[in-house]
PDB file of all heavy atoms in Angstrom:
ATOM      1  N   PRO A   1       0.859  -1.281  -0.061  1.00  0.00           N
ATOM      2  CA  PRO A   1      -0.013  -0.079  -0.013  1.00  0.00           C
ATOM      3  C   PRO A   1       0.828   1.247   0.051  1.00  0.00           C
ATOM      4  O   PRO A   1       1.907   1.366   0.682  1.00  0.00           O
ATOM      5  CB  PRO A   1      -0.742  -0.111   1.182  1.00  0.00           C
ATOM      6  CG  PRO A   1      -0.675  -1.620   1.619  1.00  0.00           C
ATOM      7  CD  PRO A   1       0.532  -2.094   1.151  1.00  0.00           C
ATOM      8  N   THR A   2       0.473   2.197  -0.796  1.00  0.00           N
ATOM      9  CA  THR A   2       1.241   3.494  -0.852  1.00  0.00           C
ATOM     10  C   THR A   2       0.422   4.576  -0.290  1.00  0.00           C
ATOM     11  O   THR A   2      -0.776   4.446   0.010  1.00  0.00           O
ATOM     12  CB  THR A   2       1.540   3.800  -2.321  1.00  0.00           C
ATOM     13  OG1 THR A   2       0.294   3.936  -3.141  1.00  0.00           O
ATOM     14  CG2 THR A   2       2.442   2.706  -3.026  1.00  0.00           C
ATOM     15  N   THR A   3       1.002   5.757  -0.157  1.00  0.00           N
ATOM     16  CA  THR A   3       0.340   7.005   0.324  1.00  0.00           C
ATOM     17  C   THR A   3       0.580   8.126  -0.788  1.00  0.00           C
ATOM     18  O   THR A   3       1.636   8.031  -1.428  1.00  0.00           O
ATOM     19  CB  THR A   3       0.784   7.389   1.726  1.00  0.00           C
ATOM     20  OG1 THR A   3       2.227   7.882   1.693  1.00  0.00           O
ATOM     21  CG2 THR A   3       0.670   6.189   2.694  1.00  0.00           C
ATOM     22  N   PRO A   4      -0.060   9.156  -0.658  1.00  0.00           N
ATOM     23  CA  PRO A   4       0.233  10.287  -1.555  1.00  0.00           C
ATOM     24  C   PRO A   4       1.462  11.123  -1.071  1.00  0.00           C
ATOM     25  O   PRO A   4       1.913  12.014  -1.816  1.00  0.00           O
ATOM     26  CB  PRO A   4      -1.013  11.183  -1.388  1.00  0.00           C
ATOM     27  CG  PRO A   4      -2.092  10.327  -0.587  1.00  0.00           C
ATOM     28  CD  PRO A   4      -1.340   9.417   0.116  1.00  0.00           C
ATOM     29  N   PHE A   5       2.136  10.777   0.192  1.00  0.00           N
ATOM     30  CA  PHE A   5       3.113  11.710   0.735  1.00  0.00           C
ATOM     31  C   PHE A   5       4.511  11.275   0.343  1.00  0.00           C
ATOM     32  O   PHE A   5       5.330  12.063   0.584  1.00  0.00           O
ATOM     33  CB  PHE A   5       2.770  11.743   2.150  1.00  0.00           C
ATOM     34  CG  PHE A   5       1.449  12.093   2.548  1.00  0.00           C
ATOM     35  CD1 PHE A   5       0.591  11.084   3.062  1.00  0.00           C
ATOM     36  CD2 PHE A   5       0.888  13.314   2.304  1.00  0.00           C
ATOM     37  CE1 PHE A   5      -0.759  11.326   3.283  1.00  0.00           C
ATOM     38  CE2 PHE A   5      -0.449  13.624   2.660  1.00  0.00           C
ATOM     39  CZ  PHE A   5      -1.157  12.548   3.175  1.00  0.00           C
ATOM     40  N   VAL A   6       4.737   9.972   0.019  1.00  0.00           N
ATOM     41  CA  VAL A   6       6.025   9.494  -0.290  1.00  0.00           C
ATOM     42  C   VAL A   6       6.118   8.771  -1.532  1.00  0.00           C
ATOM     43  O   VAL A   6       5.300   7.926  -1.885  1.00  0.00           O
ATOM     44  CB  VAL A   6       6.485   8.553   0.875  1.00  0.00           C
ATOM     45  CG1 VAL A   6       7.873   7.977   0.674  1.00  0.00           C
ATOM     46  CG2 VAL A   6       6.525   9.262   2.306  1.00  0.00           C
ATOM     47  N   SER A   7       7.055   9.148  -2.354  1.00  0.00           N
ATOM     48  CA  SER A   7       7.319   8.530  -3.605  1.00  0.00           C
ATOM     49  C   SER A   7       8.417   7.509  -3.541  1.00  0.00           C
ATOM     50  O   SER A   7       9.391   7.718  -2.961  1.00  0.00           O
ATOM     51  CB  SER A   7       7.690   9.503  -4.778  1.00  0.00           C
ATOM     52  OG  SER A   7       8.031   8.873  -5.984  1.00  0.00           O
ATOM     53  N   ALA A   8       8.210   6.231  -4.048  1.00  0.00           N
ATOM     54  CA  ALA A   8       9.194   5.156  -4.001  1.00  0.00           C
ATOM     55  C   ALA A   8       9.167   4.265  -5.228  1.00  0.00           C
ATOM     56  O   ALA A   8       7.961   4.126  -5.736  1.00  0.00           O
ATOM     57  CB  ALA A   8       8.954   4.371  -2.741  1.00  0.00           C
ATOM     58  N   ARG A   9      10.203   3.657  -5.605  1.00  0.00           N
ATOM     59  CA  ARG A   9      10.222   2.764  -6.588  1.00  0.00           C
ATOM     60  C   ARG A   9       9.595   1.338  -6.134  1.00  0.00           C
ATOM     61  O   ARG A   9       9.615   1.081  -4.997  1.00  0.00           O
ATOM     62  CB  ARG A   9      11.654   2.451  -7.016  1.00  0.00           C
ATOM     63  CG  ARG A   9      12.517   3.497  -7.549  1.00  0.00           C
ATOM     64  CD  ARG A   9      11.919   4.041  -8.889  1.00  0.00           C
ATOM     65  NE  ARG A   9      12.248   2.929  -9.911  1.00  0.00           N
ATOM     66  CZ  ARG A   9      13.479   2.634 -10.478  1.00  0.00           C
ATOM     67  NH1 ARG A   9      14.568   3.347 -10.126  1.00  0.00           N
ATOM     68  NH2 ARG A   9      13.582   1.645 -11.197  1.00  0.00           N
ATOM     69  N   ARG A  10       9.085   0.573  -7.048  1.00  0.00           N
ATOM     70  CA  ARG A  10       8.566  -0.748  -6.657  1.00  0.00           C
ATOM     71  C   ARG A  10       9.677  -1.665  -6.781  1.00  0.00           C
ATOM     72  O   ARG A  10      10.700  -1.602  -7.414  1.00  0.00           O
ATOM     73  CB  ARG A  10       7.366  -1.104  -7.550  1.00  0.00           C
ATOM     74  CG  ARG A  10       6.158  -0.311  -7.433  1.00  0.00           C
ATOM     75  CD  ARG A  10       5.074  -0.809  -8.282  1.00  0.00           C
ATOM     76  NE  ARG A  10       4.685  -2.232  -8.258  1.00  0.00           N
ATOM     77  CZ  ARG A  10       3.990  -2.694  -7.230  1.00  0.00           C
ATOM     78  NH1 ARG A  10       3.472  -1.963  -6.402  1.00  0.00           N
ATOM     79  NH2 ARG A  10       3.735  -3.950  -7.313  1.00  0.00           N
ATOM     80  N   THR A  11       9.415  -2.897  -5.988  1.00  0.00           N
ATOM     81  CA  THR A  11      10.505  -3.903  -5.840  1.00  0.00           C
ATOM     82  C   THR A  11      10.864  -4.443  -7.022  1.00  0.00           C
ATOM     83  O   THR A  11      12.138  -4.596  -7.397  1.00  0.00           O
ATOM     84  CB  THR A  11       9.922  -4.852  -4.820  1.00  0.00           C
ATOM     85  OG1 THR A  11       9.758  -4.370  -3.564  1.00  0.00           O
ATOM     86  CG2 THR A  11      10.930  -6.083  -4.725  1.00  0.00           C
ATOM     87  N   GLU A  12      10.008  -4.945  -7.915  1.00  0.00           N
ATOM     88  CA  GLU A  12      10.269  -5.544  -9.249  1.00  0.00           C
ATOM     89  C   GLU A  12      10.984  -4.582 -10.145  1.00  0.00           C
ATOM     90  O   GLU A  12      11.959  -4.918 -10.867  1.00  0.00           O
ATOM     91  CB  GLU A  12       9.019  -6.142  -9.843  1.00  0.00           C
ATOM     92  CG  GLU A  12       9.296  -6.858 -11.048  1.00  0.00           C
ATOM     93  CD  GLU A  12       8.161  -7.551 -11.656  1.00  0.00           C
ATOM     94  OE1 GLU A  12       6.911  -7.049 -11.430  1.00  0.00           O
ATOM     95  OE2 GLU A  12       8.275  -8.626 -12.257  1.00  0.00           O
ATOM     96  N   GLN A  13      10.531  -3.195 -10.114  1.00  0.00           N
ATOM     97  CA  GLN A  13      11.195  -2.166 -11.006  1.00  0.00           C
ATOM     98  C   GLN A  13      12.658  -2.188 -10.679  1.00  0.00           C
ATOM     99  O   GLN A  13      13.512  -1.978 -11.389  1.00  0.00           O
ATOM    100  CB  GLN A  13      10.552  -0.921 -10.796  1.00  0.00           C
ATOM    101  CG  GLN A  13       9.160  -0.888 -11.422  1.00  0.00           C
ATOM    102  CD  GLN A  13       8.376   0.545 -11.157  1.00  0.00           C
ATOM    103  OE1 GLN A  13       8.781   1.131 -10.139  1.00  0.00           O
ATOM    104  NE2 GLN A  13       7.668   0.827 -11.994  1.00  0.00           N
ATOM    105  N   ALA A  14      12.987  -2.055  -9.227  1.00  0.00           N
ATOM    106  CA  ALA A  14      14.356  -1.864  -8.792  1.00  0.00           C
ATOM    107  C   ALA A  14      15.258  -3.095  -9.150  1.00  0.00           C
ATOM    108  O   ALA A  14      16.259  -3.023  -9.597  1.00  0.00           O
ATOM    109  CB  ALA A  14      14.361  -1.626  -7.218  1.00  0.00           C
ATOM    110  N   LEU A  15      14.643  -4.365  -8.903  1.00  0.00           N
ATOM    111  CA  LEU A  15      15.362  -5.530  -9.253  1.00  0.00           C
ATOM    112  C   LEU A  15      15.710  -5.702 -10.710  1.00  0.00           C
ATOM    113  O   LEU A  15      16.785  -5.962 -11.138  1.00  0.00           O
ATOM    114  CB  LEU A  15      14.710  -6.723  -8.725  1.00  0.00           C
ATOM    115  CG  LEU A  15      15.306  -8.115  -8.835  1.00  0.00           C
ATOM    116  CD1 LEU A  15      16.781  -7.991  -8.238  1.00  0.00           C
ATOM    117  CD2 LEU A  15      14.434  -9.201  -8.302  1.00  0.00           C
ATOM    118  N   LEU A  16      14.710  -5.310 -11.568  1.00  0.00           N
ATOM    119  CA  LEU A  16      14.950  -5.329 -12.927  1.00  0.00           C
ATOM    120  C   LEU A  16      15.962  -4.337 -13.414  1.00  0.00           C
ATOM    121  O   LEU A  16      16.704  -4.641 -14.326  1.00  0.00           O
ATOM    122  CB  LEU A  16      13.580  -5.115 -13.675  1.00  0.00           C
ATOM    123  CG  LEU A  16      12.637  -6.270 -13.695  1.00  0.00           C
ATOM    124  CD1 LEU A  16      11.262  -5.775 -14.328  1.00  0.00           C
ATOM    125  CD2 LEU A  16      13.207  -7.466 -14.459  1.00  0.00           C
ATOM    126  N   GLN A  17      15.981  -3.256 -12.767  1.00  0.00           N
ATOM    127  CA  GLN A  17      16.987  -2.163 -12.922  1.00  0.00           C
ATOM    128  C   GLN A  17      18.418  -2.781 -12.790  1.00  0.00           C
ATOM    129  O   GLN A  17      19.346  -2.601 -13.647  1.00  0.00           O
ATOM    130  CB  GLN A  17      16.720  -0.919 -12.209  1.00  0.00           C
ATOM    131  CG  GLN A  17      17.897   0.216 -12.524  1.00  0.00           C
ATOM    132  CD  GLN A  17      17.484   1.522 -11.812  1.00  0.00           C
ATOM    133  OE1 GLN A  17      16.352   1.900 -11.757  1.00  0.00           O
ATOM    134  NE2 GLN A  17      18.614   2.212 -11.532  1.00  0.00           N
ATOM    135  N   VAL A  18      18.613  -3.398 -11.693  1.00  0.00           N
ATOM    136  CA  VAL A  18      19.923  -4.060 -11.376  1.00  0.00           C
ATOM    137  C   VAL A  18      20.255  -5.046 -12.346  1.00  0.00           C
ATOM    138  O   VAL A  18      21.328  -5.003 -12.920  1.00  0.00           O
ATOM    139  CB  VAL A  18      19.994  -4.541  -9.983  1.00  0.00           C
ATOM    140  CG1 VAL A  18      21.258  -5.315  -9.720  1.00  0.00           C
ATOM    141  CG2 VAL A  18      19.695  -3.381  -8.966  1.00  0.00           C
ATOM    142  N   ILE A  19      19.259  -5.963 -12.823  1.00  0.00           N
ATOM    143  CA  ILE A  19      19.682  -6.951 -13.664  1.00  0.00           C
ATOM    144  C   ILE A  19      19.947  -6.338 -15.088  1.00  0.00           C
ATOM    145  O   ILE A  19      20.967  -6.791 -15.577  1.00  0.00           O
ATOM    146  CB  ILE A  19      18.326  -7.966 -13.844  1.00  0.00           C
ATOM    147  CG1 ILE A  19      18.244  -8.576 -12.471  1.00  0.00           C
ATOM    148  CG2 ILE A  19      18.559  -9.012 -14.870  1.00  0.00           C
ATOM    149  CD1 ILE A  19      16.920  -9.473 -12.292  1.00  0.00           C
ATOM    150  N   ASN A  20      19.121  -5.418 -15.470  1.00  0.00           N
ATOM    151  CA  ASN A  20      19.244  -4.798 -16.767  1.00  0.00           C
ATOM    152  C   ASN A  20      20.642  -4.034 -16.908  1.00  0.00           C
ATOM    153  O   ASN A  20      21.025  -3.628 -17.998  1.00  0.00           O
ATOM    154  CB  ASN A  20      18.059  -4.063 -17.257  1.00  0.00           C
ATOM    155  CG  ASN A  20      16.821  -4.913 -17.313  1.00  0.00           C
ATOM    156  OD1 ASN A  20      16.961  -6.069 -17.698  1.00  0.00           O
ATOM    157  ND2 ASN A  20      15.691  -4.274 -17.185  1.00  0.00           N
ATOM    158  N   ALA A  21      21.071  -3.534 -15.751  1.00  0.00           N
ATOM    159  CA  ALA A  21      22.247  -2.681 -15.816  1.00  0.00           C
ATOM    160  C   ALA A  21      23.530  -3.517 -15.853  1.00  0.00           C
ATOM    161  O   ALA A  21      24.635  -3.069 -16.249  1.00  0.00           O
ATOM    162  CB  ALA A  21      22.366  -1.803 -14.400  1.00  0.00           C
ATOM    163  N   ALA A  22      23.380  -4.791 -15.559  1.00  0.00           N
ATOM    164  CA  ALA A  22      24.609  -5.699 -15.487  1.00  0.00           C
ATOM    165  C   ALA A  22      25.190  -5.860 -16.839  1.00  0.00           C
ATOM    166  O   ALA A  22      24.480  -6.147 -17.860  1.00  0.00           O
ATOM    167  CB  ALA A  22      24.329  -7.048 -14.940  1.00  0.00           C
ATOM    168  N   THR A  23      26.500  -5.700 -17.078  1.00  0.00           N
ATOM    169  CA  THR A  23      27.207  -5.825 -18.262  1.00  0.00           C
ATOM    170  C   THR A  23      28.189  -7.051 -18.236  1.00  0.00           C
ATOM    171  O   THR A  23      28.538  -7.684 -19.280  1.00  0.00           O
ATOM    172  CB  THR A  23      27.932  -4.602 -18.765  1.00  0.00           C
ATOM    173  OG1 THR A  23      28.987  -4.193 -17.708  1.00  0.00           O
ATOM    174  CG2 THR A  23      26.947  -3.455 -19.068  1.00  0.00           C
ATOM    175  N   SER A  24      28.638  -7.359 -17.102  1.00  0.00           N
ATOM    176  CA  SER A  24      29.645  -8.523 -16.891  1.00  0.00           C
ATOM    177  C   SER A  24      29.306  -9.455 -15.898  1.00  0.00           C
ATOM    178  O   SER A  24      29.441 -10.745 -15.968  1.00  0.00           O
ATOM    179  CB  SER A  24      30.972  -7.880 -16.663  1.00  0.00           C
ATOM    180  OG  SER A  24      31.061  -7.066 -15.504  1.00  0.00           O
ATOM    181  N   THR A  25      28.823  -8.976 -14.644  1.00  0.00           N
ATOM    182  CA  THR A  25      28.748  -9.909 -13.516  1.00  0.00           C
ATOM    183  C   THR A  25      27.424  -9.441 -12.805  1.00  0.00           C
ATOM    184  O   THR A  25      27.022  -8.337 -12.709  1.00  0.00           O
ATOM    185  CB  THR A  25      29.762  -9.920 -12.547  1.00  0.00           C
ATOM    186  OG1 THR A  25      29.901  -8.559 -11.874  1.00  0.00           O
ATOM    187  CG2 THR A  25      31.006 -10.320 -13.086  1.00  0.00           C
ATOM    188  N   LEU A  26      26.706 -10.484 -12.312  1.00  0.00           N
ATOM    189  CA  LEU A  26      25.523 -10.244 -11.492  1.00  0.00           C
ATOM    190  C   LEU A  26      25.295 -11.331 -10.363  1.00  0.00           C
ATOM    191  O   LEU A  26      25.478 -12.450 -10.623  1.00  0.00           O
ATOM    192  CB  LEU A  26      24.244 -10.379 -12.280  1.00  0.00           C
ATOM    193  CG  LEU A  26      22.828 -10.125 -11.678  1.00  0.00           C
ATOM    194  CD1 LEU A  26      22.671  -8.821 -11.264  1.00  0.00           C
ATOM    195  CD2 LEU A  26      21.690 -10.477 -12.735  1.00  0.00           C
ATOM    196  N   PHE A  27      25.240 -10.768  -9.073  1.00  0.00           N
ATOM    197  CA  PHE A  27      25.118 -11.804  -8.036  1.00  0.00           C
ATOM    198  C   PHE A  27      23.743 -11.508  -7.248  1.00  0.00           C
ATOM    199  O   PHE A  27      23.599 -10.366  -6.882  1.00  0.00           O
ATOM    200  CB  PHE A  27      26.297 -11.627  -7.046  1.00  0.00           C
ATOM    201  CG  PHE A  27      26.523 -12.972  -6.285  1.00  0.00           C
ATOM    202  CD1 PHE A  27      27.931 -13.491  -6.239  1.00  0.00           C
ATOM    203  CD2 PHE A  27      25.675 -13.563  -5.398  1.00  0.00           C
ATOM    204  CE1 PHE A  27      28.331 -14.569  -5.534  1.00  0.00           C
ATOM    205  CE2 PHE A  27      25.924 -14.638  -4.734  1.00  0.00           C
ATOM    206  CZ  PHE A  27      27.108 -15.188  -4.821  1.00  0.00           C
ATOM    207  N   ILE A  28      23.011 -12.453  -7.203  1.00  0.00           N
ATOM    208  CA  ILE A  28      21.647 -12.389  -6.508  1.00  0.00           C
ATOM    209  C   ILE A  28      21.691 -13.384  -5.374  1.00  0.00           C
ATOM    210  O   ILE A  28      21.977 -14.535  -5.367  1.00  0.00           O
ATOM    211  CB  ILE A  28      20.548 -12.683  -7.485  1.00  0.00           C
ATOM    212  CG1 ILE A  28      20.446 -11.590  -8.486  1.00  0.00           C
ATOM    213  CG2 ILE A  28      19.245 -12.765  -6.727  1.00  0.00           C
ATOM    214  CD1 ILE A  28      19.422 -11.719  -9.608  1.00  0.00           C
ATOM    215  N   MET A  29      21.064 -13.016  -4.141  1.00  0.00           N
ATOM    216  CA  MET A  29      20.932 -13.772  -2.980  1.00  0.00           C
ATOM    217  C   MET A  29      19.518 -13.651  -2.545  1.00  0.00           C
ATOM    218  O   MET A  29      19.047 -12.517  -2.383  1.00  0.00           O
ATOM    219  CB  MET A  29      21.942 -13.306  -1.982  1.00  0.00           C
ATOM    220  CG  MET A  29      21.904 -14.137  -0.730  1.00  0.00           C
ATOM    221  SD  MET A  29      23.334 -13.417   0.349  1.00  0.00           S
ATOM    222  CE  MET A  29      23.026 -14.542   1.865  1.00  0.00           C
ATOM    223  N   SER A  30      18.817 -14.819  -2.195  1.00  0.00           N
ATOM    224  CA  SER A  30      17.554 -14.771  -1.743  1.00  0.00           C
ATOM    225  C   SER A  30      17.304 -16.054  -0.915  1.00  0.00           C
ATOM    226  O   SER A  30      17.922 -17.068  -1.062  1.00  0.00           O
ATOM    227  CB  SER A  30      16.568 -14.669  -2.779  1.00  0.00           C
ATOM    228  OG  SER A  30      15.146 -14.591  -2.425  1.00  0.00           O
ATOM    229  N   PHE A  31      16.257 -15.962  -0.051  1.00  0.00           N
ATOM    230  CA  PHE A  31      15.895 -17.075   0.819  1.00  0.00           C
ATOM    231  C   PHE A  31      15.090 -18.129  -0.047  1.00  0.00           C
ATOM    232  O   PHE A  31      15.453 -19.291  -0.032  1.00  0.00           O
ATOM    233  CB  PHE A  31      14.965 -16.640   1.952  1.00  0.00           C
ATOM    234  CG  PHE A  31      14.538 -17.775   2.846  1.00  0.00           C
ATOM    235  CD1 PHE A  31      15.506 -18.504   3.605  1.00  0.00           C
ATOM    236  CD2 PHE A  31      13.246 -18.031   3.198  1.00  0.00           C
ATOM    237  CE1 PHE A  31      15.202 -19.449   4.563  1.00  0.00           C
ATOM    238  CE2 PHE A  31      12.826 -18.994   3.991  1.00  0.00           C
ATOM    239  CZ  PHE A  31      13.779 -19.762   4.704  1.00  0.00           C
ATOM    240  N   VAL A  32      14.113 -17.666  -0.777  1.00  0.00           N
ATOM    241  CA  VAL A  32      13.430 -18.533  -1.702  1.00  0.00           C
ATOM    242  C   VAL A  32      13.323 -17.879  -2.987  1.00  0.00           C
ATOM    243  O   VAL A  32      13.451 -16.670  -3.138  1.00  0.00           O
ATOM    244  CB  VAL A  32      11.961 -18.929  -1.202  1.00  0.00           C
ATOM    245  CG1 VAL A  32      12.055 -19.828   0.059  1.00  0.00           C
ATOM    246  CG2 VAL A  32      11.156 -17.649  -0.901  1.00  0.00           C
ATOM    247  N   ALA A  33      12.906 -18.600  -4.006  1.00  0.00           N
ATOM    248  CA  ALA A  33      12.809 -18.142  -5.377  1.00  0.00           C
ATOM    249  C   ALA A  33      11.780 -18.840  -6.202  1.00  0.00           C
ATOM    250  O   ALA A  33      11.974 -20.178  -6.278  1.00  0.00           O
ATOM    251  CB  ALA A  33      14.082 -17.954  -6.161  1.00  0.00           C
ATOM    252  N   TYR A  34      10.601 -18.325  -6.559  1.00  0.00           N
ATOM    253  CA  TYR A  34       9.573 -18.868  -7.301  1.00  0.00           C
ATOM    254  C   TYR A  34       8.559 -17.893  -7.788  1.00  0.00           C
ATOM    255  O   TYR A  34       8.440 -16.892  -7.273  1.00  0.00           O
ATOM    256  CB  TYR A  34       8.873 -20.201  -6.589  1.00  0.00           C
ATOM    257  CG  TYR A  34       8.179 -19.824  -5.405  1.00  0.00           C
ATOM    258  CD1 TYR A  34       6.848 -19.372  -5.367  1.00  0.00           C
ATOM    259  CD2 TYR A  34       8.836 -19.844  -4.059  1.00  0.00           C
ATOM    260  CE1 TYR A  34       6.188 -19.027  -4.249  1.00  0.00           C
ATOM    261  CE2 TYR A  34       8.175 -19.538  -2.983  1.00  0.00           C
ATOM    262  CZ  TYR A  34       6.794 -19.086  -2.965  1.00  0.00           C
ATOM    263  OH  TYR A  34       6.207 -18.713  -1.915  1.00  0.00           O
ATOM    264  N   ASP A  35       7.940 -18.382  -9.007  1.00  0.00           N
ATOM    265  CA  ASP A  35       6.749 -17.461  -9.392  1.00  0.00           C
ATOM    266  C   ASP A  35       7.289 -16.083  -9.875  1.00  0.00           C
ATOM    267  O   ASP A  35       6.579 -15.118  -9.317  1.00  0.00           O
ATOM    268  CB  ASP A  35       5.611 -17.534  -8.436  1.00  0.00           C
ATOM    269  CG  ASP A  35       4.286 -16.864  -9.049  1.00  0.00           C
ATOM    270  OD1 ASP A  35       4.223 -17.012 -10.308  1.00  0.00           O
ATOM    271  OD2 ASP A  35       3.480 -16.468  -8.267  1.00  0.00           O
ATOM    272  N   VAL A  36       8.281 -16.050 -10.449  1.00  0.00           N
ATOM    273  CA  VAL A  36       8.895 -14.606 -10.897  1.00  0.00           C
ATOM    274  C   VAL A  36       9.399 -14.762 -12.370  1.00  0.00           C
ATOM    275  O   VAL A  36      10.419 -14.513 -12.740  1.00  0.00           O
ATOM    276  CB  VAL A  36      10.034 -14.122  -9.998  1.00  0.00           C
ATOM    277  CG1 VAL A  36       9.578 -13.744  -8.609  1.00  0.00           C
ATOM    278  CG2 VAL A  36      11.110 -15.316  -9.816  1.00  0.00           C
ATOM    279  N   SER A  37       8.341 -14.856 -13.164  1.00  0.00           N
ATOM    280  CA  SER A  37       8.625 -15.148 -14.692  1.00  0.00           C
ATOM    281  C   SER A  37       9.335 -13.896 -15.290  1.00  0.00           C
ATOM    282  O   SER A  37      10.195 -14.082 -16.096  1.00  0.00           O
ATOM    283  CB  SER A  37       7.323 -15.476 -15.395  1.00  0.00           C
ATOM    284  OG  SER A  37       6.478 -14.384 -15.118  1.00  0.00           O
ATOM    285  N   GLY A  38       8.971 -12.609 -14.884  1.00  0.00           N
ATOM    286  CA  GLY A  38       9.511 -11.560 -15.430  1.00  0.00           C
ATOM    287  C   GLY A  38      10.934 -11.355 -14.987  1.00  0.00           C
ATOM    288  O   GLY A  38      11.846 -11.007 -15.845  1.00  0.00           O
ATOM    289  N   ILE A  39      11.336 -11.797 -13.830  1.00  0.00           N
ATOM    290  CA  ILE A  39      12.733 -11.725 -13.326  1.00  0.00           C
ATOM    291  C   ILE A  39      13.521 -12.823 -13.998  1.00  0.00           C
ATOM    292  O   ILE A  39      14.627 -12.609 -14.453  1.00  0.00           O
ATOM    293  CB  ILE A  39      12.717 -11.904 -11.800  1.00  0.00           C
ATOM    294  CG1 ILE A  39      11.926 -10.886 -11.063  1.00  0.00           C
ATOM    295  CG2 ILE A  39      14.201 -11.908 -11.396  1.00  0.00           C
ATOM    296  CD1 ILE A  39      12.446  -9.394 -11.419  1.00  0.00           C
ATOM    297  N   VAL A  40      12.960 -13.969 -14.166  1.00  0.00           N
ATOM    298  CA  VAL A  40      13.592 -15.126 -14.833  1.00  0.00           C
ATOM    299  C   VAL A  40      13.923 -14.666 -16.322  1.00  0.00           C
ATOM    300  O   VAL A  40      15.023 -14.987 -16.832  1.00  0.00           O
ATOM    301  CB  VAL A  40      12.708 -16.336 -14.795  1.00  0.00           C
ATOM    302  CG1 VAL A  40      13.250 -17.474 -15.741  1.00  0.00           C
ATOM    303  CG2 VAL A  40      12.710 -16.877 -13.527  1.00  0.00           C
TER     304      VAL A  40
END
């Protein structure tokens, strides 16, 4: 949930920005991973 008072990036947008910015190496760490077709 958001409010009109604070602007913030969404989680998927931020993660995709990191992935798309990579030109040579990318390291991702997570507890679990599933149901993320756009990230895959």
